[in-house]
N, C-alpha and C. Protein backbone atom coordinates (compact mmCIF):
# COMPACT_ATOMS: atom_id res chain seq x y z
N UNK A 1 -96.95 27.64 -161.03
CA UNK A 1 -95.66 28.76 -160.91
C UNK A 1 -94.80 28.53 -162.34
N UNK A 2 -94.69 29.70 -162.43
CA UNK A 2 -93.15 30.28 -163.60
C UNK A 2 -92.29 29.38 -163.63
N UNK A 3 -90.93 29.68 -164.25
CA UNK A 3 -89.93 28.78 -163.85
C UNK A 3 -89.09 29.96 -162.83
N UNK A 4 -89.03 31.32 -163.13
CA UNK A 4 -88.65 32.19 -162.45
C UNK A 4 -89.04 32.18 -161.18
N UNK A 5 -90.41 32.10 -161.04
CA UNK A 5 -90.77 31.77 -159.21
C UNK A 5 -90.30 30.62 -158.97
N UNK A 6 -90.43 29.93 -159.30
CA UNK A 6 -89.33 28.37 -158.61
C UNK A 6 -88.11 28.70 -158.02
N UNK A 7 -87.60 29.78 -159.21
CA UNK A 7 -85.62 30.02 -158.78
C UNK A 7 -85.96 30.80 -157.83
N UNK A 8 -86.85 31.33 -157.65
CA UNK A 8 -86.33 32.43 -156.59
C UNK A 8 -86.74 31.66 -155.30
N UNK A 9 -88.04 31.15 -155.73
CA UNK A 9 -88.27 30.14 -154.33
C UNK A 9 -87.15 29.55 -154.03
N UNK A 10 -86.62 28.36 -154.32
CA UNK A 10 -85.39 27.47 -154.06
C UNK A 10 -84.47 28.60 -153.91
N UNK A 11 -84.02 29.55 -154.45
CA UNK A 11 -82.98 30.31 -153.43
C UNK A 11 -83.49 30.39 -152.19
N UNK A 12 -84.14 31.20 -152.10
CA UNK A 12 -84.72 31.61 -150.70
C UNK A 12 -84.79 30.58 -149.49
N UNK A 13 -85.05 29.52 -150.34
CA UNK A 13 -85.25 28.52 -149.24
C UNK A 13 -83.56 27.94 -149.15
N UNK A 14 -82.57 27.82 -150.09
CA UNK A 14 -81.39 27.51 -149.77
C UNK A 14 -80.42 28.82 -148.39
N UNK A 15 -81.22 29.94 -148.83
CA UNK A 15 -80.62 30.95 -147.89
C UNK A 15 -81.51 30.63 -146.39
N UNK A 16 -82.53 30.31 -146.75
CA UNK A 16 -83.07 29.78 -145.41
C UNK A 16 -82.42 28.83 -144.60
N UNK A 17 -82.03 27.87 -145.17
CA UNK A 17 -81.31 26.59 -144.48
C UNK A 17 -80.05 27.12 -144.14
N UNK A 18 -79.06 27.73 -145.15
CA UNK A 18 -78.04 28.23 -145.03
C UNK A 18 -78.14 29.19 -143.34
N UNK A 19 -79.10 30.03 -143.30
CA UNK A 19 -79.21 30.90 -142.14
C UNK A 19 -79.21 30.51 -140.80
N UNK A 20 -79.80 29.22 -140.82
CA UNK A 20 -80.24 28.55 -139.68
C UNK A 20 -79.00 27.78 -138.87
N UNK A 21 -78.95 28.11 -137.73
CA UNK A 21 -77.53 27.68 -136.91
C UNK A 21 -77.42 26.09 -137.45
N UNK A 22 -75.71 25.94 -137.33
CA UNK A 22 -75.62 24.49 -137.47
C UNK A 22 -74.88 24.93 -139.10
N UNK A 23 -74.36 23.46 -139.55
CA UNK A 23 -73.64 23.40 -140.31
C UNK A 23 -74.38 22.78 -141.47
N UNK A 24 -74.59 23.06 -142.72
CA UNK A 24 -75.02 22.87 -144.10
C UNK A 24 -74.30 21.76 -145.04
N UNK A 25 -74.48 20.66 -144.94
CA UNK A 25 -73.41 19.39 -145.77
C UNK A 25 -74.39 18.83 -146.32
N UNK A 26 -73.96 18.09 -147.96
CA UNK A 26 -74.32 16.82 -147.85
C UNK A 26 -74.59 15.55 -147.27
N UNK A 27 -75.77 14.49 -147.95
CA UNK A 27 -75.88 13.35 -146.97
C UNK A 27 -74.21 12.81 -147.39
N UNK A 28 -74.45 12.16 -146.14
CA UNK A 28 -72.98 11.14 -146.00
C UNK A 28 -71.76 11.74 -145.75
N UNK A 29 -71.69 13.35 -145.77
CA UNK A 29 -70.69 14.32 -145.63
C UNK A 29 -70.00 14.25 -144.07
N UNK A 30 -68.63 14.10 -144.21
CA UNK A 30 -68.01 14.01 -143.00
C UNK A 30 -67.17 15.09 -142.69
N UNK A 31 -66.29 14.86 -141.69
CA UNK A 31 -65.30 16.41 -141.19
C UNK A 31 -64.02 15.48 -140.70
N UNK A 32 -62.77 16.25 -141.16
CA UNK A 32 -61.89 15.35 -140.68
C UNK A 32 -61.46 14.52 -139.64
N UNK A 33 -60.87 13.94 -139.94
CA UNK A 33 -60.64 13.28 -138.11
C UNK A 33 -59.21 13.43 -138.07
N UNK A 34 -58.50 13.27 -139.17
CA UNK A 34 -57.23 13.09 -139.30
C UNK A 34 -56.64 13.72 -140.66
N UNK A 35 -55.25 13.72 -140.94
CA UNK A 35 -55.02 14.49 -142.01
C UNK A 35 -53.38 13.65 -142.04
N UNK A 36 -52.80 13.19 -143.22
CA UNK A 36 -51.56 12.28 -143.38
C UNK A 36 -50.72 13.22 -143.35
N UNK A 37 -49.68 13.30 -142.86
CA UNK A 37 -48.49 13.78 -142.84
C UNK A 37 -47.15 13.49 -143.40
N UNK A 38 -47.22 12.08 -143.65
CA UNK A 38 -45.86 11.28 -143.92
C UNK A 38 -46.26 10.35 -145.11
N UNK A 39 -45.69 10.04 -145.99
CA UNK A 39 -45.81 9.77 -147.11
C UNK A 39 -44.67 9.11 -147.88
N UNK A 40 -45.00 7.69 -148.40
CA UNK A 40 -43.71 7.26 -148.77
C UNK A 40 -44.35 5.96 -150.16
N UNK A 41 -44.04 6.03 -151.76
CA UNK A 41 -44.64 4.78 -152.25
C UNK A 41 -45.95 5.28 -152.64
N UNK A 42 -46.49 4.34 -152.74
CA UNK A 42 -48.44 4.12 -153.19
C UNK A 42 -49.02 4.11 -152.04
N UNK A 43 -49.95 5.24 -151.49
CA UNK A 43 -51.10 4.76 -150.93
C UNK A 43 -52.31 5.80 -151.35
N UNK A 44 -53.11 5.09 -151.02
CA UNK A 44 -54.52 5.66 -151.24
C UNK A 44 -55.79 5.48 -150.01
N UNK A 45 -56.53 5.83 -150.25
CA UNK A 45 -57.96 6.30 -149.43
C UNK A 45 -59.03 5.89 -150.19
N UNK A 46 -59.59 5.02 -149.89
CA UNK A 46 -60.80 4.85 -150.37
C UNK A 46 -62.19 5.18 -149.38
N UNK A 47 -62.89 6.09 -149.87
CA UNK A 47 -63.91 6.79 -149.28
C UNK A 47 -65.41 6.78 -149.80
N UNK A 48 -66.23 5.92 -149.12
CA UNK A 48 -67.07 5.65 -149.79
C UNK A 48 -67.50 5.59 -151.78
N UNK A 49 -66.90 4.35 -151.76
CA UNK A 49 -66.34 3.40 -152.86
C UNK A 49 -65.72 4.35 -153.96
N UNK A 50 -64.67 5.46 -153.49
CA UNK A 50 -63.83 6.30 -154.54
C UNK A 50 -62.63 6.49 -153.52
N UNK A 51 -61.86 6.13 -154.94
CA UNK A 51 -60.28 5.98 -154.70
C UNK A 51 -59.39 7.02 -154.69
N UNK A 52 -58.93 7.35 -153.75
CA UNK A 52 -58.13 8.51 -154.11
C UNK A 52 -56.75 8.71 -153.58
N UNK A 53 -55.77 8.90 -154.54
CA UNK A 53 -54.43 9.03 -154.14
C UNK A 53 -54.16 9.82 -152.69
N UNK A 54 -53.52 9.34 -152.11
CA UNK A 54 -53.06 9.61 -150.93
C UNK A 54 -52.11 10.96 -151.44
N UNK A 55 -51.78 12.12 -150.78
CA UNK A 55 -50.92 13.26 -150.72
C UNK A 55 -51.07 13.67 -149.32
N UNK A 56 -49.56 14.06 -148.78
CA UNK A 56 -49.85 15.41 -147.47
C UNK A 56 -50.59 16.22 -147.61
N UNK A 57 -51.18 16.12 -146.11
CA UNK A 57 -52.21 16.71 -146.06
C UNK A 57 -53.51 16.44 -146.32
N UNK A 58 -53.67 15.36 -147.02
CA UNK A 58 -54.93 15.07 -147.13
C UNK A 58 -55.80 14.96 -146.01
N UNK A 59 -56.75 15.24 -146.13
CA UNK A 59 -57.93 14.92 -144.82
C UNK A 59 -58.20 13.53 -144.59
N UNK A 60 -58.48 12.77 -143.62
CA UNK A 60 -58.90 11.47 -143.67
C UNK A 60 -60.49 11.52 -142.72
N UNK A 61 -61.29 10.88 -142.98
CA UNK A 61 -62.44 11.05 -142.32
C UNK A 61 -62.76 9.70 -141.67
N UNK A 62 -63.54 9.58 -140.86
CA UNK A 62 -64.43 7.92 -140.72
C UNK A 62 -64.83 7.55 -141.26
N UNK A 63 -64.65 6.03 -141.05
CA UNK A 63 -65.02 4.99 -142.42
C UNK A 63 -64.11 5.00 -143.90
N UNK A 64 -63.06 5.93 -143.65
CA UNK A 64 -62.12 5.61 -144.60
C UNK A 64 -61.41 4.62 -144.29
N UNK A 65 -60.84 3.87 -145.45
CA UNK A 65 -59.98 2.48 -146.02
C UNK A 65 -58.20 3.25 -146.14
N UNK A 66 -57.65 2.76 -145.66
CA UNK A 66 -56.12 3.38 -146.19
C UNK A 66 -55.64 2.26 -146.52
N UNK A 67 -55.00 2.50 -147.51
CA UNK A 67 -54.18 1.11 -148.16
C UNK A 67 -52.52 1.77 -148.94
N UNK A 68 -51.92 1.03 -148.27
CA UNK A 68 -50.50 1.44 -149.12
C UNK A 68 -50.12 -0.16 -150.16
N UNK A 69 -49.15 0.54 -151.10
CA UNK A 69 -49.12 -0.72 -152.23
C UNK A 69 -47.60 -1.28 -151.61
N UNK A 70 -47.43 -2.63 -152.33
CA UNK A 70 -45.82 -3.27 -152.02
C UNK A 70 -44.78 -2.03 -151.53
N UNK A 71 -44.53 -0.79 -151.75
CA UNK A 71 -43.69 -0.16 -151.59
C UNK A 71 -43.99 0.81 -151.00
N UNK A 72 -45.49 1.13 -150.64
CA UNK A 72 -46.08 2.28 -149.70
C UNK A 72 -45.88 2.22 -148.48
N UNK A 73 -45.96 3.59 -147.91
CA UNK A 73 -45.98 3.59 -146.36
C UNK A 73 -46.64 5.53 -146.17
N UNK A 74 -47.36 5.14 -145.14
CA UNK A 74 -48.48 6.11 -144.81
C UNK A 74 -48.20 6.50 -143.65
N UNK A 75 -48.01 8.06 -142.65
CA UNK A 75 -48.46 8.29 -141.17
C UNK A 75 -49.37 9.15 -141.64
N UNK A 76 -50.29 9.35 -140.83
CA UNK A 76 -51.41 9.91 -140.12
C UNK A 76 -51.51 10.29 -138.52
N UNK A 77 -52.10 11.62 -138.71
CA UNK A 77 -52.21 11.86 -137.11
C UNK A 77 -53.19 12.61 -136.82
N UNK A 78 -54.43 11.95 -135.92
CA UNK A 78 -55.85 12.03 -136.13
C UNK A 78 -55.67 13.66 -134.99
N UNK A 79 -56.76 14.15 -134.94
CA UNK A 79 -57.08 15.16 -133.95
C UNK A 79 -56.69 15.32 -132.33
N UNK A 80 -56.74 14.01 -131.54
CA UNK A 80 -56.17 14.34 -130.55
C UNK A 80 -54.47 13.63 -130.72
N UNK A 81 -53.91 13.79 -131.77
CA UNK A 81 -52.81 13.67 -131.81
C UNK A 81 -52.08 12.70 -131.92
N UNK A 82 -52.85 11.03 -131.73
CA UNK A 82 -52.59 9.85 -131.95
C UNK A 82 -51.92 10.02 -133.84
N UNK A 83 -51.07 9.15 -133.20
CA UNK A 83 -50.18 8.83 -134.84
C UNK A 83 -50.15 7.56 -135.25
N UNK A 84 -50.64 7.08 -136.54
CA UNK A 84 -50.91 5.79 -137.15
C UNK A 84 -49.72 5.99 -138.18
N UNK A 85 -48.97 4.88 -138.13
CA UNK A 85 -48.47 4.75 -139.59
C UNK A 85 -48.54 3.43 -140.14
N UNK A 86 -48.46 2.94 -141.52
CA UNK A 86 -49.01 1.76 -141.94
C UNK A 86 -47.65 1.39 -142.95
N UNK A 87 -46.83 0.29 -142.63
CA UNK A 87 -45.90 -0.02 -143.90
C UNK A 87 -46.68 -0.74 -145.11
N UNK A 88 -45.63 -1.17 -145.61
CA UNK A 88 -45.70 -1.54 -146.98
C UNK A 88 -47.58 -2.54 -147.13
N UNK A 89 -47.71 -2.80 -148.39
CA UNK A 89 -48.87 -3.86 -148.38
C UNK A 89 -49.80 -3.69 -147.12
N UNK A 90 -50.18 -2.77 -146.73
CA UNK A 90 -51.47 -2.43 -145.51
C UNK A 90 -52.63 -2.17 -145.78
N UNK A 91 -53.47 -2.70 -145.42
CA UNK A 91 -54.97 -1.70 -145.36
C UNK A 91 -55.70 -1.94 -143.82
N UNK A 92 -56.28 -0.74 -143.72
CA UNK A 92 -56.91 -0.42 -142.23
C UNK A 92 -58.19 0.45 -142.49
N UNK A 93 -59.05 0.51 -141.80
CA UNK A 93 -60.48 0.99 -142.01
C UNK A 93 -60.47 1.70 -140.42
N UNK A 94 -60.68 2.91 -140.91
CA UNK A 94 -61.31 3.89 -138.92
C UNK A 94 -62.52 3.67 -138.90
N UNK A 95 -62.73 2.96 -138.18
CA UNK A 95 -64.32 2.68 -137.74
C UNK A 95 -65.47 3.29 -136.89
N UNK A 96 -64.27 4.00 -136.37
CA UNK A 96 -64.74 4.99 -135.21
C UNK A 96 -63.91 5.87 -134.73
N UNK A 97 -64.35 7.47 -134.40
CA UNK A 97 -63.13 8.72 -133.90
C UNK A 97 -64.39 9.72 -133.14
N UNK A 98 -64.03 9.91 -132.13
CA UNK A 98 -65.15 10.92 -131.48
C UNK A 98 -63.76 11.62 -130.83
N UNK A 99 -63.95 12.83 -130.54
CA UNK A 99 -63.10 13.72 -129.86
C UNK A 99 -63.54 14.48 -129.16
N UNK A 100 -64.30 14.75 -128.47
CA UNK A 100 -64.97 15.60 -127.89
C UNK A 100 -65.15 15.96 -126.41
N UNK A 101 -63.56 16.74 -126.19
CA UNK A 101 -63.50 16.73 -124.60
C UNK A 101 -64.31 17.56 -123.77
N UNK A 102 -65.23 18.74 -124.50
CA UNK A 102 -65.93 19.53 -123.83
C UNK A 102 -67.46 18.69 -123.50
N UNK A 103 -67.73 17.73 -124.37
CA UNK A 103 -68.80 17.15 -124.01
C UNK A 103 -68.42 15.36 -123.01
N UNK A 104 -67.15 15.34 -122.60
CA UNK A 104 -66.52 14.27 -122.45
C UNK A 104 -67.10 13.19 -123.31
N UNK A 105 -66.81 13.14 -124.44
CA UNK A 105 -66.75 12.46 -125.64
C UNK A 105 -65.56 11.71 -126.00
N UNK A 106 -65.10 10.28 -126.17
CA UNK A 106 -63.89 9.76 -126.50
C UNK A 106 -64.29 8.67 -127.30
N UNK A 107 -63.73 8.50 -128.17
CA UNK A 107 -63.43 7.12 -128.83
C UNK A 107 -62.88 7.14 -130.45
N UNK A 108 -62.23 6.11 -130.21
CA UNK A 108 -61.20 5.66 -131.38
C UNK A 108 -61.48 3.95 -131.60
N UNK A 109 -62.05 3.37 -132.61
CA UNK A 109 -61.68 2.09 -133.06
C UNK A 109 -60.90 2.04 -134.65
N UNK A 110 -60.30 1.46 -134.91
CA UNK A 110 -59.46 1.02 -135.78
C UNK A 110 -59.52 -0.56 -136.01
N UNK A 111 -59.35 -0.74 -137.53
CA UNK A 111 -59.85 -2.24 -137.61
C UNK A 111 -58.64 -2.55 -138.78
N UNK A 112 -58.05 -3.21 -138.38
CA UNK A 112 -56.46 -3.60 -139.06
C UNK A 112 -56.72 -4.98 -139.93
N UNK A 113 -56.70 -5.01 -141.65
CA UNK A 113 -57.17 -5.73 -142.25
C UNK A 113 -55.58 -6.50 -142.88
N UNK A 114 -54.99 -5.80 -142.83
CA UNK A 114 -53.63 -6.66 -143.01
C UNK A 114 -52.23 -5.40 -143.15
N UNK A 115 -51.12 -6.02 -142.77
CA UNK A 115 -50.10 -5.46 -143.34
C UNK A 115 -49.08 -4.82 -141.87
N UNK A 116 -48.84 -3.88 -141.92
CA UNK A 116 -48.03 -3.64 -140.56
C UNK A 116 -48.82 -2.43 -139.90
N UNK A 117 -48.67 -2.08 -138.44
CA UNK A 117 -48.90 -0.56 -137.99
C UNK A 117 -48.00 -0.57 -137.26
N UNK A 118 -47.94 1.16 -136.79
CA UNK A 118 -47.32 1.59 -135.62
C UNK A 118 -47.88 2.29 -135.06
N UNK A 119 -48.44 2.58 -133.95
CA UNK A 119 -49.66 3.81 -132.84
C UNK A 119 -48.73 3.95 -131.97
N UNK A 120 -48.89 5.53 -131.79
CA UNK A 120 -48.65 6.22 -130.80
C UNK A 120 -49.86 6.96 -130.20
N UNK A 121 -49.99 6.70 -128.84
CA UNK A 121 -51.63 6.77 -128.75
C UNK A 121 -51.22 8.69 -128.69
N UNK A 122 -52.62 9.23 -128.72
CA UNK A 122 -52.90 11.07 -128.34
C UNK A 122 -53.48 10.47 -127.07
N UNK A 123 -54.45 12.04 -127.19
CA UNK A 123 -55.31 12.05 -125.73
C UNK A 123 -56.57 10.88 -125.47
N UNK A 124 -56.98 10.70 -126.40
CA UNK A 124 -57.84 9.61 -126.15
C UNK A 124 -57.58 8.82 -125.09
N UNK A 125 -56.59 7.91 -125.93
CA UNK A 125 -55.87 6.89 -124.81
C UNK A 125 -55.42 7.08 -123.50
N UNK A 126 -54.95 8.18 -123.06
CA UNK A 126 -54.70 9.32 -122.12
C UNK A 126 -55.60 9.48 -121.28
N UNK A 127 -56.92 10.15 -121.83
CA UNK A 127 -58.28 10.52 -121.02
C UNK A 127 -59.03 9.74 -121.06
N UNK A 128 -59.62 8.28 -122.06
CA UNK A 128 -60.45 7.64 -121.42
C UNK A 128 -59.78 6.31 -122.49
N UNK A 129 -58.91 5.91 -121.47
CA UNK A 129 -58.20 4.54 -122.28
C UNK A 129 -59.19 3.43 -122.90
N UNK A 130 -60.21 3.10 -121.98
CA UNK A 130 -61.26 2.55 -122.40
C UNK A 130 -61.96 2.43 -123.52
N UNK A 131 -61.82 3.47 -123.84
CA UNK A 131 -62.64 4.13 -125.38
C UNK A 131 -61.38 4.02 -126.45
N UNK A 132 -60.27 3.15 -126.56
CA UNK A 132 -59.38 2.97 -127.57
C UNK A 132 -59.83 1.40 -127.72
N UNK A 133 -59.67 1.46 -129.19
CA UNK A 133 -59.56 0.05 -129.66
C UNK A 133 -59.11 -0.18 -130.88
N UNK A 134 -57.73 -1.19 -131.06
CA UNK A 134 -57.29 -1.95 -132.28
C UNK A 134 -58.00 -3.25 -132.73
N UNK A 135 -58.06 -3.32 -133.64
CA UNK A 135 -59.04 -4.26 -134.09
C UNK A 135 -58.20 -5.22 -135.47
N UNK A 136 -58.19 -6.80 -135.06
CA UNK A 136 -57.07 -7.11 -136.00
C UNK A 136 -58.27 -8.26 -136.36
N UNK A 137 -58.28 -9.56 -137.68
CA UNK A 137 -59.14 -10.14 -137.75
C UNK A 137 -59.00 -11.22 -136.97
N UNK A 138 -57.77 -11.33 -136.06
CA UNK A 138 -57.88 -12.73 -134.81
C UNK A 138 -58.24 -12.41 -133.67
N UNK A 139 -57.70 -10.95 -133.33
CA UNK A 139 -57.59 -10.27 -132.05
C UNK A 139 -58.70 -8.88 -132.11
N UNK A 140 -58.27 -8.43 -130.55
CA UNK A 140 -58.71 -6.73 -130.08
C UNK A 140 -57.76 -6.49 -129.50
N UNK A 141 -56.99 -5.08 -129.59
CA UNK A 141 -56.28 -4.37 -128.87
C UNK A 141 -56.78 -3.60 -127.99
N UNK A 142 -57.15 -3.53 -126.76
CA UNK A 142 -57.22 -2.47 -125.49
C UNK A 142 -56.24 -1.48 -125.87
N UNK A 143 -55.98 -0.46 -126.00
CA UNK A 143 -54.77 0.38 -125.95
C UNK A 143 -55.07 1.21 -124.27
N UNK A 144 -54.15 0.45 -123.73
CA UNK A 144 -54.29 0.77 -122.34
C UNK A 144 -52.17 1.52 -122.18
N UNK A 145 -51.21 1.53 -122.80
CA UNK A 145 -49.84 1.75 -123.03
C UNK A 145 -50.00 3.12 -123.96
N UNK A 146 -48.70 3.33 -124.20
CA UNK A 146 -48.85 4.41 -125.45
C UNK A 146 -48.51 4.49 -126.49
N UNK A 147 -47.64 2.84 -126.94
CA UNK A 147 -46.87 2.94 -128.57
C UNK A 147 -47.12 1.34 -128.14
N UNK A 148 -47.48 0.84 -129.61
CA UNK A 148 -47.34 -0.64 -129.81
C UNK A 148 -47.35 -0.70 -131.59
N UNK A 149 -46.44 -1.63 -132.39
CA UNK A 149 -46.60 -2.09 -133.39
C UNK A 149 -47.77 -3.72 -133.51
N UNK A 150 -47.93 -3.65 -134.65
CA UNK A 150 -48.84 -4.80 -134.94
C UNK A 150 -48.36 -5.47 -136.53
N UNK A 151 -48.35 -6.62 -136.52
CA UNK A 151 -48.24 -7.14 -138.03
C UNK A 151 -49.78 -8.70 -138.16
N UNK A 152 -50.28 -8.07 -139.66
CA UNK A 152 -51.33 -9.01 -139.69
C UNK A 152 -51.33 -9.68 -141.12
N UNK A 153 -51.16 -10.71 -141.00
CA UNK A 153 -50.56 -11.54 -142.44
C UNK A 153 -51.99 -12.21 -142.79
N UNK A 154 -52.15 -12.03 -144.31
CA UNK A 154 -53.38 -12.38 -144.76
C UNK A 154 -53.29 -11.91 -146.47
N UNK A 155 -54.41 -11.72 -146.76
CA UNK A 155 -54.72 -11.69 -148.34
C UNK A 155 -54.41 -10.18 -148.76
């Protein structure tokens, strides 16, 4: 098969994949679960081993690690209106986020590695309180209320 025929066949296959229902996305792609709303000082997002400087409007994905510098702070709002803010010298990983009210699927699991955080619950904690978890190196918080603050000391 010559080069031109291969190219036409490849383009036809791509068009076929795009025409099939659903979304076509690269391997390891994710969809936005939150967005950066507030920012002070230096903050970064580590996604798939790449470090991204945080900016207002940056989309946050499942499995992202959010870090703040010694003078940094960041506030993010999840798709269910949960608000999470981190103080200086903090690191946190979003292990799970599912907000699918039509299917009745809800889950939020956050792992605080170090620093300080303030949490104001959104719809997941209200609709399915057993599905909201905040983990630290020494404790796990099942979120039953609407807000809390936590400080994790460590390296």
